[in-house]
Structures are given as structure tokens and as C-alpha cells.
Amino acid sequence: MVRKFTPDDAQAFYQMARQFHSSDAVIHQTPDQNFRDTFREIMNGSPSLEGYIIEKDGVIAGYSLVLLTYSNEVGGLLANWDEIFIKPEFRGQGLGSGFLALMEKEYQGKAKLYRMEVEKENDRAIALYKRMGYRMLDYRQATKASRDTVPDPAPTPHIRPFSPGDQEDFFHLAQQFHASGLIDTPAPPSHFRDTFQTVISHGPHQDGFMICKDGKNVGYALVGFFYANEAGGMQSNLDEMFILPPYRGQGLGKEFLRFFERNYHDRVIVYRIEVCDSQTRLIDSLSRRGYDLLEYWQMIKSPESAR
């Protein structure tokens, strides 16, 4: 049986989360306060986070957290199975795979993509997820704690939020970015329309910004948000940033990064940026800014293939 968290599950969740975060599945030690903050967010009805208890014969056997964010690439919500923990005495009974199968059905019609993170050395988990139809995604995550960042006060005059009149420029810029070879699955134009409307309507999962020069819109950036138990709060994810080739090398990308870190400094715990291994210059630049590449790999599955 799988059910959503209730207020009575607090202590059971804390104990299981300690076990999970003390295992090899998590890179960094996580303070107990993070678990309390996570539970409070769930009980307060966060639009970005849901918690589930996994039971066997009426006994609590595990838990999982589901994170929700927005993706332009898929044109809608992305459901991330963030933590799946089964107590040792209940392992090998199909509870983990059963939970995934149930969640895939639960989120059909709500999410456009399912995603999870796994350590690259966890061959057993990777093999299981592949059997269930998940595949590896060639994106990595570079992260930095906001508390380790002193916001740069330098002006960022070339960055501004989307406005309704930016729609056509955003479509053209996004089409070029999605044809660049850096995107796993290039999105159709309908996704860009959905993303633009999501940003303009000030939804909780996505912000959009134009990058301007010489009176023109020469680039854009999309920032998503999701909760992380490991971090104990919200993360801002620089999901897409694109600048037209003639305007590269003029400091616009660095200006946006300054804006990104300053704009979200007091609103998130962690900055996160999606990169591909082939983007060596970007990775080097982020490293100099204090970002670390996580050793988690992403696996994804389309709801269409889950039917």
C-alpha cells in the first residue's frame, strides 16, 4: 500500500530519512533540520513537493519524495522520484518497483516526464530502472550553495523578465536552442507556447528572462524551481540559457549568471545549472565560480511509454 504523508508520520519519516541519508545513495551528510523542514513543507501543501509512505501488511516499510518542476523541453510538469527508501527488512519484495509503477499511473495526465537521479556506480539500481523503461540522460548538474555566494552588485542592464510582447522572439530563440544539439529531445513549438504562458501567468514552477543588446532580444533564460530534502529547501535551476551566436563572447552569459545568483540569493538554498559533458568551457567557467559537478546521473521515462 502507498499513501500520502499524514501529520502522524513525522517521526517515522525522520528515522527513515536519516537511514537513507547515511547510505551511499547520498553524497553529503544531511542535518536533521532539513528533514523537519521538508516534512513541514509537505504538510503546508507545497506545490513543488509531495511525500509518500510505503507500507507492507499495515507496517511502514519505506518512504519516497516526489518533486515537481517545469520543463520547456517537455512542455509541462516534470515529476522527479527524488528519494525511494525501503527498510532493509522489506527489501527484495518488489516494494520499490511497485511504488514506481504506481506513481507512473498516479502522475499520468499530470506530468509530461518522469525523472530520477542515481549514482553512476549503483549498477543494481540502474539495471532495475532500465528494465522499467528508464534511460540515461546526458545532462549533469552543477550546484553551489547560496550561502557560499556573495551576490555581485554590478548592474545587469541587459536582463529583464519576459513581457507579453516577447512571445515571438522567445519562440524563434527557443527553436534555435533546441536545434543546437545540446537538447536530448528537441521540443515542438507547442511546448514553447505552453512555457511562455506558464511564465507570463506567474506560475510557481518557472521564470523566464530575455537577454537584450542593442535594443534587440538576443537570448533568453529559463529558471525552474524544485525542493530538495538533501538541501533542506528550494533550488533554482537554470534550465536553459541561449544567446545568439553573433552576441556571444560579449559577457552576456556572465551577466546573466550574476543576475541569477543575486536574484535568487534570498529565495533558494542551492543554485543548480544543467550542463552537458561536451560543454567544457561552461563547466570550467562554473567551476571558477564555485560550482561543483554532482556525481548523480539522471534517468528519464515518458508517460507515453508507461501505458
Protein backbone atom coordinates (compact mmCIF):
# COMPACT_ATOMS: atom_id res chain seq x y z
CA MET A 1 0.00 0.00 0.00
CA VAL A 2 1.14 3.53 -0.78
CA ARG A 3 -0.36 6.61 0.84
CA LYS A 4 0.48 10.29 1.26
CA PHE A 5 2.18 11.61 4.39
CA THR A 6 -0.03 12.50 7.35
CA PRO A 7 1.00 14.57 10.40
CA ASP A 8 1.43 11.34 12.38
CA ASP A 9 4.23 10.18 10.04
CA ALA A 10 6.77 12.78 11.17
CA GLN A 11 8.94 10.62 13.43
CA ALA A 12 8.85 7.61 11.08
CA PHE A 13 9.92 9.86 8.20
CA TYR A 14 12.76 11.40 10.21
CA GLN A 15 14.11 7.97 11.16
CA MET A 16 13.94 6.60 7.61
CA ALA A 17 15.38 9.78 6.12
CA ARG A 18 18.35 9.51 8.50
CA GLN A 19 18.96 5.96 7.28
CA PHE A 20 18.69 6.94 3.63
CA HIS A 21 20.92 9.98 4.00
CA SER A 22 23.54 7.94 5.87
CA SER A 23 23.80 5.49 2.96
CA ASP A 24 25.92 5.55 -0.19
CA ALA A 25 22.90 6.87 -2.10
CA VAL A 26 23.60 10.40 -0.82
CA ILE A 27 26.87 12.23 -1.39
CA HIS A 28 26.72 14.68 1.53
CA GLN A 29 25.62 14.33 5.15
CA THR A 30 22.22 15.92 5.71
CA PRO A 31 21.31 17.64 9.01
CA ASP A 32 18.11 16.56 10.77
CA GLN A 33 16.73 20.08 10.45
CA ASN A 34 16.43 19.53 6.71
CA PHE A 35 14.10 16.58 7.28
CA ARG A 36 11.94 18.67 9.60
CA ASP A 37 11.82 21.48 7.05
CA THR A 38 10.87 19.02 4.30
CA PHE A 39 8.07 17.49 6.35
CA ARG A 40 6.72 20.95 7.20
CA GLU A 41 6.73 21.93 3.51
CA ILE A 42 4.71 18.83 2.64
CA MET A 43 2.21 19.42 5.43
CA ASN A 44 1.83 23.04 4.29
CA GLY A 45 0.76 21.87 0.83
CA SER A 46 3.81 22.88 -1.19
CA PRO A 47 3.09 22.84 -4.96
CA SER A 48 6.62 21.51 -5.54
CA LEU A 49 6.81 18.57 -3.13
CA GLU A 50 4.79 15.51 -2.15
CA GLY A 51 5.62 12.73 0.30
CA TYR A 52 4.52 9.09 0.28
CA ILE A 53 4.64 6.29 2.84
CA ILE A 54 5.14 2.74 1.55
CA GLU A 55 3.50 0.05 3.70
CA LYS A 56 3.56 -3.73 3.82
CA ASP A 57 0.83 -5.56 5.75
CA GLY A 58 -0.02 -2.36 7.61
CA VAL A 59 3.58 -1.71 8.67
CA ILE A 60 5.61 1.27 7.43
CA ALA A 61 8.25 -0.17 5.10
CA GLY A 62 9.64 2.93 3.41
CA TYR A 63 9.02 6.37 2.00
CA SER A 64 9.51 8.44 -1.11
CA LEU A 65 9.52 12.10 -2.08
CA VAL A 66 8.17 13.40 -5.38
CA LEU A 67 9.44 16.75 -6.66
CA LEU A 68 7.53 18.74 -9.26
CA THR A 69 9.08 21.33 -11.56
CA TYR A 70 8.53 22.69 -15.07
CA SER A 71 10.48 21.78 -18.21
CA ASN A 72 10.37 23.66 -21.51
CA GLU A 73 11.80 20.57 -23.17
CA VAL A 74 8.70 18.53 -22.32
CA GLY A 75 6.26 21.44 -22.29
CA GLY A 76 4.88 20.81 -18.83
CA LEU A 77 5.50 19.44 -15.38
CA LEU A 78 8.30 17.02 -14.66
CA ALA A 79 7.85 14.54 -11.79
CA ASN A 80 11.10 13.59 -10.11
CA TRP A 81 11.18 10.48 -7.90
CA ASP A 82 13.74 12.06 -5.59
CA GLU A 83 14.18 9.56 -2.77
CA ILE A 84 12.92 5.99 -2.68
CA PHE A 85 13.84 4.26 0.57
CA ILE A 86 12.83 0.75 1.62
CA LYS A 87 13.82 -0.52 5.07
CA PRO A 88 16.39 -3.36 4.86
CA GLU A 89 14.00 -5.98 6.24
CA PHE A 90 11.48 -5.23 3.47
CA ARG A 91 13.87 -5.20 0.52
CA GLY A 92 13.68 -7.78 -2.25
CA GLN A 93 9.88 -7.91 -2.06
CA GLY A 94 9.16 -5.67 -5.04
CA LEU A 95 8.09 -2.66 -2.99
CA GLY A 96 10.40 -0.22 -4.78
CA SER A 97 9.43 -1.27 -8.29
CA GLY A 98 5.80 -1.49 -7.21
CA PHE A 99 5.96 2.07 -5.92
CA LEU A 100 7.40 3.32 -9.22
CA ALA A 101 4.71 1.55 -11.24
CA LEU A 102 2.01 3.07 -9.04
CA MET A 103 3.49 6.59 -9.27
CA GLU A 104 3.71 6.35 -13.04
CA LYS A 105 -0.02 5.72 -13.14
CA GLU A 106 -0.74 8.37 -10.50
CA TYR A 107 1.07 11.12 -12.41
CA GLN A 108 -0.15 10.26 -15.91
CA GLY A 109 -2.00 13.32 -17.11
CA LYS A 110 -0.23 15.49 -14.51
CA ALA A 111 3.42 15.21 -15.58
CA LYS A 112 4.96 15.14 -19.05
CA LEU A 113 8.13 13.30 -17.94
CA TYR A 114 9.31 11.10 -15.08
CA ARG A 115 12.86 11.53 -13.80
CA MET A 116 15.11 10.16 -11.10
CA GLU A 117 18.71 10.59 -10.03
CA VAL A 118 21.08 7.70 -9.40
CA GLU A 119 24.76 7.38 -8.59
CA LYS A 120 26.67 6.13 -11.61
CA GLU A 121 28.23 3.33 -9.53
CA ASN A 122 24.82 1.99 -8.48
CA ASP A 123 24.69 -0.69 -11.17
CA ARG A 124 21.90 -2.61 -9.47
CA ALA A 125 19.52 0.36 -9.37
CA ILE A 126 20.40 1.42 -12.91
CA ALA A 127 19.68 -2.09 -14.20
CA LEU A 128 16.31 -2.13 -12.41
CA TYR A 129 15.30 1.26 -13.78
CA LYS A 130 16.33 0.28 -17.29
CA ARG A 131 14.14 -2.81 -17.07
CA MET A 132 11.28 -0.50 -16.12
CA GLY A 133 11.82 1.59 -19.27
CA TYR A 134 14.01 4.41 -17.95
CA ARG A 135 17.04 5.59 -19.89
CA MET A 136 20.13 7.62 -19.06
CA LEU A 137 20.07 11.36 -19.80
CA ASP A 138 23.22 13.16 -20.91
CA TYR A 139 22.77 16.09 -18.52
CA ARG A 140 24.80 16.82 -15.41
CA GLN A 141 24.10 19.18 -12.54
CA ALA A 142 26.48 21.86 -11.33
CA THR A 143 25.47 23.22 -7.93
CA LYS A 144 26.50 25.86 -5.42
CA ALA A 145 25.03 26.78 -2.03
CA SER A 146 23.57 30.28 -1.96
CA ARG A 147 25.10 30.81 1.49
CA ASP A 148 28.55 30.40 -0.10
CA THR A 149 27.80 33.18 -2.58
CA VAL A 150 28.29 36.90 -2.12
CA PRO A 151 25.93 38.48 -4.67
CA ASP A 152 27.72 40.66 -7.20
CA PRO A 153 26.16 44.16 -7.08
CA ALA A 154 27.32 45.05 -10.60
CA PRO A 155 24.43 46.24 -12.81
CA THR A 156 22.73 43.75 -15.13
CA PRO A 157 21.10 46.11 -17.65
CA HIS A 158 20.72 43.50 -20.38
CA ILE A 159 18.46 41.18 -18.36
CA ARG A 160 14.71 41.60 -17.85
CA PRO A 161 11.69 39.35 -17.19
CA PHE A 162 9.51 38.13 -20.04
CA SER A 163 6.76 40.50 -21.10
CA PRO A 164 3.72 39.58 -23.25
CA GLY A 165 5.30 41.17 -26.33
CA ASP A 166 8.29 38.80 -26.19
CA GLN A 167 6.35 35.75 -27.36
CA GLU A 168 7.52 35.57 -30.98
CA ASP A 169 11.14 36.38 -30.13
CA PHE A 170 11.14 33.67 -27.47
CA PHE A 171 9.72 31.14 -29.96
CA HIS A 172 12.47 31.90 -32.50
CA LEU A 173 15.26 31.83 -29.93
CA ALA A 174 13.99 28.62 -28.30
CA GLN A 175 13.74 26.91 -31.70
CA GLN A 176 17.38 27.72 -32.38
CA PHE A 177 18.50 26.46 -28.98
CA HIS A 178 16.53 23.24 -29.36
CA ALA A 179 18.13 22.68 -32.78
CA SER A 180 21.65 23.17 -31.37
CA GLY A 181 22.34 19.54 -30.49
CA LEU A 182 22.50 20.26 -26.74
CA ILE A 183 18.94 19.13 -26.09
CA ASP A 184 18.14 15.46 -25.52
CA THR A 185 14.74 15.71 -27.20
CA PRO A 186 14.13 18.93 -29.19
CA ALA A 187 10.72 20.34 -28.31
CA PRO A 188 7.94 21.18 -30.78
CA PRO A 189 6.73 24.81 -31.00
CA SER A 190 3.65 23.98 -28.92
CA HIS A 191 5.91 23.43 -25.91
CA PHE A 192 7.35 26.91 -26.26
CA ARG A 193 3.83 28.37 -26.28
CA ASP A 194 2.94 26.44 -23.14
CA THR A 195 6.15 27.54 -21.43
CA PHE A 196 5.63 31.18 -22.33
CA GLN A 197 2.09 31.16 -20.97
CA THR A 198 3.29 29.47 -17.78
CA VAL A 199 5.88 32.20 -17.23
CA ILE A 200 3.56 35.09 -18.10
CA SER A 201 0.87 33.73 -15.75
CA HIS A 202 3.44 33.71 -12.90
CA GLY A 203 3.12 30.01 -12.12
CA PRO A 204 5.16 28.64 -9.19
CA HIS A 205 7.48 26.44 -11.25
CA GLN A 206 9.13 28.63 -13.92
CA ASP A 207 10.59 32.12 -14.50
CA GLY A 208 11.67 33.47 -17.88
CA PHE A 209 14.08 36.24 -18.82
CA MET A 210 15.09 37.98 -22.03
CA ILE A 211 18.74 38.84 -22.70
CA CYS A 212 18.90 42.10 -24.66
CA LYS A 213 21.56 44.00 -26.57
CA ASP A 214 21.38 46.96 -28.97
CA GLY A 215 17.63 47.20 -28.45
CA LYS A 216 17.06 43.57 -29.52
CA ASN A 217 16.16 40.34 -27.75
CA VAL A 218 19.30 38.30 -28.43
CA GLY A 219 18.85 35.49 -25.94
CA TYR A 220 16.73 34.05 -23.16
CA ALA A 221 16.97 32.05 -19.97
CA LEU A 222 14.52 29.80 -18.14
CA VAL A 223 14.76 29.18 -14.41
CA GLY A 224 12.82 26.39 -12.73
CA PHE A 225 12.28 25.64 -9.05
CA PHE A 226 12.06 22.47 -7.04
CA TYR A 227 12.50 21.31 -3.49
CA ALA A 228 15.39 19.14 -2.30
CA ASN A 229 15.36 17.26 1.00
CA GLU A 230 19.15 16.98 0.83
CA ALA A 231 19.41 20.78 0.70
CA GLY A 232 16.53 21.42 3.07
CA GLY A 233 14.81 23.93 0.81
CA MET A 234 14.17 25.22 -2.67
CA GLN A 235 16.66 25.12 -5.52
CA SER A 236 16.69 27.46 -8.51
CA ASN A 237 17.58 25.54 -11.65
CA LEU A 238 18.98 27.37 -14.68
CA ASP A 239 17.34 25.02 -17.12
CA GLU A 240 18.03 26.79 -20.42
CA MET A 241 20.20 29.75 -21.42
CA PHE A 242 20.73 30.69 -25.05
CA ILE A 243 22.46 33.64 -26.72
CA LEU A 244 22.54 34.20 -30.48
CA PRO A 245 26.00 33.39 -31.93
CA PRO A 246 26.82 36.98 -33.06
CA TYR A 247 26.35 38.17 -29.46
CA ARG A 248 28.45 35.54 -27.71
CA GLY A 249 31.76 36.48 -26.13
CA GLN A 250 30.40 39.87 -25.03
CA GLY A 251 29.84 38.97 -21.38
CA LEU A 252 26.07 38.48 -21.62
CA GLY A 253 26.19 34.93 -20.26
CA LYS A 254 28.31 36.01 -17.28
CA GLU A 255 25.97 38.93 -16.71
CA PHE A 256 23.02 36.56 -16.54
CA LEU A 257 24.83 34.33 -14.04
CA ARG A 258 25.43 37.38 -11.83
CA PHE A 259 21.75 38.22 -12.11
CA PHE A 260 20.73 34.60 -11.46
CA GLU A 261 22.75 34.36 -8.24
CA ARG A 262 21.71 37.80 -6.96
CA ASN A 263 18.02 37.50 -7.87
CA TYR A 264 17.53 34.17 -6.09
CA HIS A 265 20.07 34.54 -3.28
CA ASP A 266 17.49 35.04 -0.52
CA ARG A 267 14.89 32.73 -2.04
CA VAL A 268 16.70 29.42 -2.51
CA ILE A 269 19.20 27.20 -0.69
CA VAL A 270 21.03 25.96 -3.77
CA TYR A 271 21.73 27.21 -7.29
CA ARG A 272 21.67 24.46 -9.88
CA ILE A 273 22.64 24.58 -13.56
CA GLU A 274 22.07 21.85 -16.15
CA VAL A 275 25.13 21.13 -18.31
CA CYS A 276 26.29 18.53 -20.83
CA ASP A 277 29.74 16.94 -20.58
CA SER A 278 30.51 18.42 -24.01
CA GLN A 279 30.13 21.97 -22.62
CA THR A 280 33.68 22.05 -21.27
CA ARG A 281 34.03 25.85 -21.42
CA LEU A 282 30.82 26.34 -19.45
CA ILE A 283 31.83 23.70 -16.90
CA ASP A 284 35.23 25.37 -16.43
CA SER A 285 33.56 28.77 -16.03
CA LEU A 286 31.12 27.41 -13.44
CA SER A 287 33.95 25.71 -11.57
CA ARG A 288 35.72 29.06 -11.28
CA ARG A 289 32.51 30.50 -9.83
CA GLY A 290 32.45 27.81 -7.13
CA TYR A 291 30.05 25.29 -8.67
CA ASP A 292 30.59 21.55 -8.18
CA LEU A 293 29.51 18.82 -10.59
CA LEU A 294 27.28 16.31 -8.81
CA GLU A 295 28.01 12.62 -9.24
CA TYR A 296 24.34 11.86 -9.78
CA TRP A 297 23.12 10.76 -13.20
CA GLN A 298 19.60 11.32 -14.43
CA MET A 299 17.27 8.69 -15.81
CA ILE A 300 14.01 9.56 -17.54
CA LYS A 301 10.86 7.94 -18.88
CA SER A 302 7.96 9.34 -20.86
CA PRO A 303 4.44 8.73 -19.51
CA GLU A 304 3.54 7.54 -23.02
CA SER A 305 5.88 4.57 -22.62
CA ALA A 306 4.41 3.79 -19.21
CA ARG A 307 0.99 2.93 -20.62
